[in-house]
Amino acid sequence: MPVPISQLIRFATVGVLAGFIHYCLVMLLFKQQHIPLQYANFFAFLTAFWVSYFGHRILTFKAQQIPHRQTLPRFILVAGIGFLFNESFLLLASLYWHNALSMQVIMAILLTSIVTFLLNRRFAFHHQGIPHMQQWLRSSRFLIVFLPIWLFASSCIRYLSVPDEGRYGDISRHMVESGDWLIPRINGLPFMHKPPLLHWLSSVFMEIAGVHIWTLRLVPVLAGTVMLVSLFLFVRKHISEHIAQLTIIILATNLLFFGSSEYINHDLLVAAWMTVSILCFVDFSISARRSILLLGYFAGAAAFLSKGLIGILIPGMVLLPWLLYTGQWKKIPSLLHPAGILLFLALTLPWLYMVQLRYPQFLHYFFIDQQFSRFNSTQFNNKQPWFYYLLILAASFLPWLLVSGFKFSKATLKEQLSSSLSVLGLWWLLSVTLFFSIPPSKLAGYILPAVPPLAVCMAVMISCVLMQPDKNRLQVYGIAVFLLILGTGIALTPQLAGSKQAFYLQQSSQIYAVAAVLICLPLILLWRYQHKKLEYFSYVFICLIVLCTSVSYATRLLDTKNNATQIDFSQYIQPSSQIIFYHYYFYDVPFLLDLKKPVYIVDNWENVHSDGSSLELKDGLLFEPQLKQYLWNEQQLQTALASKQPFILLSRPNNFSTTDKHVKILHYRNYDVFLFNSPS
């Protein structure tokens, strides 16, 4: 139905009035009262809210006949969505759009107005709400487009997390700026722990769009999209489109998958390619299509270039026993197609060969030290009990377990899945979980390859829940209570943070805003569902989208380890300044400062043997020992400081001191900055 021009004019009039009030308050609070932009924008938004509500109710949509108990909760929901959109746009604009502040605020208000108009017209002041919400969720095209866009938008919210994102982001930045795409480097030193595909992809995006955090996050979002699309296509072909749709919704809102899709490291990248490889080989065993087999080998090569031998070991461990158990062992020779093997070797061997030519010890270090020895060594960090991954999987699927009511039916799985696919899913899940549970060193992202088969099984069970006309109390209230508890915990954080309380209190209004969304929105959606104004699955879907997005916002607000807001000392950096890291490598600082030359790191290098940042740097000397000039001991530090050259030294708080009264000292949350011989 076309939008009446008169309604647009009325909407624009109310919007301009609310927007003018919003704009004036932001400028007044920010410019005159010196209140931080985010806080000023929040208070202005609250004021403009009531102007907007009554203006649209009375003038724009003429909905006086609809009771406030119906329009106000809907309008609050729309306002909440508008607020998140507004804040996200302002955040991105402040980071990447170097324009006048007033223009950023005006554009944020304009775009938010467009979004809220559409939602208000079709939802808040419409007597039938959103009649087509369920139809949207049944549209494969909508899901395939919406979910990756949502994942990318959420990935732009957070700062860089340390150590992983700071480390891998700066390796990729160095690759772009140096033009050396063969050797990954951290602080100029070779970093040969893992293959370079993550950095190649990141560097390509940075070559196109510039060095930004969001360009780095395109890679995990791309990896997540690859996993989503491949799983959807396979499930739609071999099970049903309905189960395929449920599968990608469950996968996208799985807390482990969602977090990994906006986290810059190798885990989701290798898991996505392993998933594609397994699905292609399984499909080939059914369809015998050569093109799908070659795609499987391509994915296997990409998995190897993402994280090494594990990228081909896991698919082999899943596929071979499955083929033998299901009596398909005669198909094994056809899977080992010469063209596929040649494709795999053509994609993987050139990098290995060229690096080995440069560093004769590379293959031993890469395969033996970093692949085989790392698997069973007790010398690495992150030691966890054997049941660690069982807890991770249960926690990441907890919202969907609540929806399922913890009811699992073997008969339902048999009805929806063939016996061959049932065995594949079970063995895929068990083998990956058991394999990664063996080594003592465990990280949550390692178990990502086990998530796809579990998502398919969960989709089959959820489909049965959706077909049942009645839901039990756990299914109805469980997810709302879960969000309520999480929101309450976030709201209490500023009061219970202990030594970090001052940091959280500085941004308490934003923390309370996120908590309010998590507490109020599920209650509104629950009320609408109970009054049959919202389908059950729509209620669940919106709750989980809000949950995941709020987790990104909460992480941005509660993460005290990142240094994104602690780099104003950059004003003291001169072309001749040398930067020193004292007994700790601050992973994200070189990226945030866009440093063009390596920093000097001070440590007791003779005693560095345990897993950590110092060992990562020291290992680089195995390949280029001449770069030892950047790894100082205490004596070299004192000699350098006595030279009266300008140095900027970063140390952990209270970890370094000097008696030189001419040294300017700046104190930050995560480090102290000492300015030696700095020009005035």
Foldseek 3Di string as FASTA:
>chain_A
DDDDPQLVVLLVVLLVVLLVQLLVQLCCCCVPVVADNLVSNVVSLVVSLVSNQVSCCCGRLVQPVDDCVQQVLQSVVLSLVLSVQLVLQLVCCVAPPPDDPSVSSVVSSVVSSVSSVVQCVQARRDPLHNPCLVVLLLDPVNCLPVLLVLLLSLLSQFDADPDARLFLLVQLVCCLVVVPQQFRDGLNFGQQLFFRPLSVQLNVQCVVVNRDLSSSLVQLSVLLSLQLVLLLVLCCVAFNNLLSSQLSLLQSLQQLSSVSSSHRALLSNLLSLLNLLLSLLVVCLVVVDVVSLLSSLVSLLSSCNSGHPVSVVLSCQLPPVLCVVVVNVVCVVVSVDPVSVVSSCVSHVVSVVVVCVQFVCSVCCHPPVNPVCQQADPQADAFDALCVQVVLNCVSSVLLCLLLVVDADPVLCVVRHPPSVVVSLVSSLVVQSNSQSPHRHDDNSSNSSNSSSVSSSSSSSNVVSLPDPDDDPSNLCVLLVVLLVVLVVLLCCLVPVPPCNVLLVSVNVLSNSLSCCSNSVLVSLSVCVVVVSDRSVSSSSVNSSSVSSSVSNSCNSPVLLACLPPPPCLVLDDPQEAEEEEQADSSNVCSSSVDPHRHAYEDPLVPDDGDDDSVSNVVSCSSPVVVCVRYHYPVVVVVVLVVLGWYKYKYAPPPDDDPDPVWDWDDDSGIIITTGNTDD
